[in-house]
Amino acid sequence: MVNKPKAVPRPGKKTAGRRPGPAEDLRTERLVVRMHPDLFGVLTEKGKLYGVSRSQYVERILITFLNRQADQRTLDFTGRFVKDANTERIMQSDPAEVWAAFGKRNQEIIGRHNAEIAAARAGRLDDLDKD
């Protein structure tokens, strides 16, 4: 018995795979880098640790490094130049400073007493005393 032919999708129409995102977020350029297997393994493990692919992890490293350069226009996490002044300030700031400001705002909102209770429950009351 002859099988029925499968329905052929129309040319140019995707039937499966990842949904297309905004056109401005497309990454159309590629970069190939030769590296030692040890470095390759470290990048793979760190990418897994942060829940991203090795390529995304390397891209984040490069963007962060470039945003620290004084002569470089600021890039967002996609690799586009930032146009918003507030976003530019955030992208250029030190991650430790961002987290410290975040913690300070939370302590102002919930109060020092509640923060001490939460830290005591987590067994980290000594960390609060360093502030």
C-alpha atoms as a PDB file:
ATOM      1  CA  MET A   1       0.000   0.000   0.000  1.00  0.00           C
ATOM      2  CA  VAL A   2       1.301   3.440  -0.911  1.00  0.00           C
ATOM      3  CA  ASN A   3       1.534   6.008   1.865  1.00  0.00           C
ATOM      4  CA  LYS A   4      -0.283   9.282   1.467  1.00  0.00           C
ATOM      5  CA  PRO A   5       2.110  12.143   0.864  1.00  0.00           C
ATOM      6  CA  LYS A   6       2.600  14.400   3.859  1.00  0.00           C
ATOM      7  CA  ALA A   7       1.286  17.918   3.696  1.00  0.00           C
ATOM      8  CA  VAL A   8       4.109  20.138   2.528  1.00  0.00           C
ATOM      9  CA  PRO A   9       4.341  23.463   4.386  1.00  0.00           C
ATOM     10  CA  ARG A  10       4.228  26.606   2.310  1.00  0.00           C
ATOM     11  CA  PRO A  11       7.648  28.037   1.484  1.00  0.00           C
ATOM     12  CA  GLY A  12       8.804  30.605   4.031  1.00  0.00           C
ATOM     13  CA  LYS A  13       6.350  29.500   6.721  1.00  0.00           C
ATOM     14  CA  LYS A  14       7.833  27.919   9.816  1.00  0.00           C
ATOM     15  CA  THR A  15       5.978  24.965  11.257  1.00  0.00           C
ATOM     16  CA  ALA A  16       7.984  24.464  14.422  1.00  0.00           C
ATOM     17  CA  GLY A  17      10.854  25.867  16.420  1.00  0.00           C
ATOM     18  CA  ARG A  18      11.408  28.973  18.405  1.00  0.00           C
ATOM     19  CA  ARG A  19       9.020  31.880  17.996  1.00  0.00           C
ATOM     20  CA  PRO A  20      10.570  34.890  16.315  1.00  0.00           C
ATOM     21  CA  GLY A  21      11.232  37.816  18.617  1.00  0.00           C
ATOM     22  CA  PRO A  22      11.433  41.512  17.873  1.00  0.00           C
ATOM     23  CA  ALA A  23      13.549  42.252  14.809  1.00  0.00           C
ATOM     24  CA  GLU A  24      15.781  44.677  16.728  1.00  0.00           C
ATOM     25  CA  ASP A  25      16.773  41.875  19.147  1.00  0.00           C
ATOM     26  CA  LEU A  26      18.056  39.539  16.419  1.00  0.00           C
ATOM     27  CA  ARG A  27      21.679  38.573  16.685  1.00  0.00           C
ATOM     28  CA  THR A  28      22.784  38.258  13.080  1.00  0.00           C
ATOM     29  CA  GLU A  29      26.579  38.267  13.465  1.00  0.00           C
ATOM     30  CA  ARG A  30      28.754  35.335  14.497  1.00  0.00           C
ATOM     31  CA  LEU A  31      32.180  35.146  16.104  1.00  0.00           C
ATOM     32  CA  VAL A  32      34.347  32.024  16.188  1.00  0.00           C
ATOM     33  CA  VAL A  33      37.056  31.772  18.838  1.00  0.00           C
ATOM     34  CA  ARG A  34      39.701  29.099  19.240  1.00  0.00           C
ATOM     35  CA  MET A  35      40.419  28.296  22.875  1.00  0.00           C
ATOM     36  CA  HIS A  36      42.038  25.729  25.094  1.00  0.00           C
ATOM     37  CA  PRO A  37      39.726  22.875  26.185  1.00  0.00           C
ATOM     38  CA  ASP A  38      40.182  23.882  29.836  1.00  0.00           C
ATOM     39  CA  LEU A  39      38.819  27.379  29.172  1.00  0.00           C
ATOM     40  CA  PHE A  40      36.031  25.868  27.092  1.00  0.00           C
ATOM     41  CA  GLY A  41      35.097  23.602  30.005  1.00  0.00           C
ATOM     42  CA  VAL A  42      35.099  26.481  32.492  1.00  0.00           C
ATOM     43  CA  LEU A  43      32.815  28.552  30.249  1.00  0.00           C
ATOM     44  CA  THR A  44      30.478  25.587  29.837  1.00  0.00           C
ATOM     45  CA  GLU A  45      30.247  24.993  33.588  1.00  0.00           C
ATOM     46  CA  LYS A  46      29.765  28.693  34.426  1.00  0.00           C
ATOM     47  CA  GLY A  47      27.065  28.968  31.768  1.00  0.00           C
ATOM     48  CA  LYS A  48      25.255  25.986  33.323  1.00  0.00           C
ATOM     49  CA  LEU A  49      25.643  27.542  36.773  1.00  0.00           C
ATOM     50  CA  TYR A  50      23.956  30.751  35.605  1.00  0.00           C
ATOM     51  CA  GLY A  51      21.344  28.904  33.545  1.00  0.00           C
ATOM     52  CA  VAL A  52      22.413  30.258  30.162  1.00  0.00           C
ATOM     53  CA  SER A  53      24.196  28.821  27.166  1.00  0.00           C
ATOM     54  CA  ARG A  54      27.943  29.119  26.840  1.00  0.00           C
ATOM     55  CA  SER A  55      27.490  31.692  24.053  1.00  0.00           C
ATOM     56  CA  GLN A  56      25.146  33.812  26.172  1.00  0.00           C
ATOM     57  CA  TYR A  57      27.568  33.649  29.094  1.00  0.00           C
ATOM     58  CA  VAL A  58      30.496  34.813  26.938  1.00  0.00           C
ATOM     59  CA  GLU A  59      28.301  37.562  25.475  1.00  0.00           C
ATOM     60  CA  ARG A  60      27.448  38.795  28.991  1.00  0.00           C
ATOM     61  CA  ILE A  61      31.127  38.831  29.937  1.00  0.00           C
ATOM     62  CA  LEU A  62      32.022  40.854  26.843  1.00  0.00           C
ATOM     63  CA  ILE A  63      29.171  43.344  27.323  1.00  0.00           C
ATOM     64  CA  THR A  64      30.064  43.875  30.990  1.00  0.00           C
ATOM     65  CA  PHE A  65      33.741  44.336  30.137  1.00  0.00           C
ATOM     66  CA  LEU A  66      33.001  46.809  27.348  1.00  0.00           C
ATOM     67  CA  ASN A  67      30.579  48.796  29.533  1.00  0.00           C
ATOM     68  CA  ARG A  68      33.436  49.335  32.013  1.00  0.00           C
ATOM     69  CA  GLN A  69      35.560  51.085  29.352  1.00  0.00           C
ATOM     70  CA  ALA A  70      35.542  54.876  29.550  1.00  0.00           C
ATOM     71  CA  ASP A  71      35.682  55.379  25.776  1.00  0.00           C
ATOM     72  CA  GLN A  72      32.899  52.894  24.945  1.00  0.00           C
ATOM     73  CA  ARG A  73      29.239  53.715  24.304  1.00  0.00           C
ATOM     74  CA  THR A  74      27.069  51.719  26.698  1.00  0.00           C
ATOM     75  CA  LEU A  75      25.506  48.450  25.520  1.00  0.00           C
ATOM     76  CA  ASP A  76      22.369  46.746  26.861  1.00  0.00           C
ATOM     77  CA  PHE A  77      22.186  42.991  27.578  1.00  0.00           C
ATOM     78  CA  THR A  78      21.300  42.283  23.940  1.00  0.00           C
ATOM     79  CA  GLY A  79      24.357  44.139  22.673  1.00  0.00           C
ATOM     80  CA  ARG A  80      22.560  47.206  21.311  1.00  0.00           C
ATOM     81  CA  PHE A  81      23.674  50.721  22.131  1.00  0.00           C
ATOM     82  CA  VAL A  82      21.637  52.167  25.018  1.00  0.00           C
ATOM     83  CA  LYS A  83      19.547  55.251  24.242  1.00  0.00           C
ATOM     84  CA  ASP A  84      17.975  55.825  27.691  1.00  0.00           C
ATOM     85  CA  ALA A  85      20.074  57.736  30.260  1.00  0.00           C
ATOM     86  CA  ASN A  86      18.684  55.766  33.237  1.00  0.00           C
ATOM     87  CA  THR A  87      19.422  52.419  31.577  1.00  0.00           C
ATOM     88  CA  GLU A  88      22.902  53.637  30.673  1.00  0.00           C
ATOM     89  CA  ARG A  89      23.610  54.529  34.316  1.00  0.00           C
ATOM     90  CA  ILE A  90      22.462  51.074  35.444  1.00  0.00           C
ATOM     91  CA  MET A  91      24.514  49.249  32.805  1.00  0.00           C
ATOM     92  CA  GLN A  92      27.688  51.145  33.734  1.00  0.00           C
ATOM     93  CA  SER A  93      27.313  50.723  37.494  1.00  0.00           C
ATOM     94  CA  ASP A  94      29.171  48.135  39.525  1.00  0.00           C
ATOM     95  CA  PRO A  95      26.983  45.075  40.310  1.00  0.00           C
ATOM     96  CA  ALA A  96      28.029  45.254  43.986  1.00  0.00           C
ATOM     97  CA  GLU A  97      26.841  48.868  44.173  1.00  0.00           C
ATOM     98  CA  VAL A  98      23.529  47.933  42.533  1.00  0.00           C
ATOM     99  CA  TRP A  99      22.919  45.150  45.057  1.00  0.00           C
ATOM    100  CA  ALA A 100      23.938  47.393  47.973  1.00  0.00           C
ATOM    101  CA  ALA A 101      21.467  50.063  46.813  1.00  0.00           C
ATOM    102  CA  PHE A 102      18.797  47.382  46.381  1.00  0.00           C
ATOM    103  CA  GLY A 103      19.388  46.129  49.940  1.00  0.00           C
ATOM    104  CA  LYS A 104      19.318  49.666  51.321  1.00  0.00           C
ATOM    105  CA  ARG A 105      15.996  50.412  49.605  1.00  0.00           C
ATOM    106  CA  ASN A 106      14.518  47.175  50.964  1.00  0.00           C
ATOM    107  CA  GLN A 107      15.653  47.967  54.489  1.00  0.00           C
ATOM    108  CA  GLU A 108      14.011  51.391  54.191  1.00  0.00           C
ATOM    109  CA  ILE A 109      10.782  49.740  53.026  1.00  0.00           C
ATOM    110  CA  ILE A 110      10.579  46.844  55.498  1.00  0.00           C
ATOM    111  CA  GLY A 111      12.532  48.486  58.300  1.00  0.00           C
ATOM    112  CA  ARG A 112      15.696  47.433  60.086  1.00  0.00           C
ATOM    113  CA  HIS A 113      13.807  45.379  62.683  1.00  0.00           C
ATOM    114  CA  ASN A 114      12.152  43.159  60.068  1.00  0.00           C
ATOM    115  CA  ALA A 115      15.461  42.767  58.253  1.00  0.00           C
ATOM    116  CA  GLU A 116      17.080  41.628  61.513  1.00  0.00           C
ATOM    117  CA  ILE A 117      14.315  39.075  62.055  1.00  0.00           C
ATOM    118  CA  ALA A 118      14.712  37.728  58.513  1.00  0.00           C
ATOM    119  CA  ALA A 119      18.510  37.572  58.879  1.00  0.00           C
ATOM    120  CA  ALA A 120      18.222  35.797  62.229  1.00  0.00           C
ATOM    121  CA  ARG A 121      15.918  33.204  60.672  1.00  0.00           C
ATOM    122  CA  ALA A 122      18.439  32.672  57.894  1.00  0.00           C
ATOM    123  CA  GLY A 123      21.302  32.512  60.421  1.00  0.00           C
ATOM    124  CA  ARG A 124      23.007  35.588  58.999  1.00  0.00           C
ATOM    125  CA  LEU A 125      22.518  38.210  61.700  1.00  0.00           C
ATOM    126  CA  ASP A 126      26.293  38.875  61.713  1.00  0.00           C
ATOM    127  CA  ASP A 127      26.079  39.999  58.053  1.00  0.00           C
ATOM    128  CA  LEU A 128      23.659  42.782  58.985  1.00  0.00           C
ATOM    129  CA  ASP A 129      25.962  44.113  61.691  1.00  0.00           C
ATOM    130  CA  LYS A 130      28.681  44.800  59.083  1.00  0.00           C
ATOM    131  CA  ASP A 131      26.496  47.482  57.418  1.00  0.00           C
END
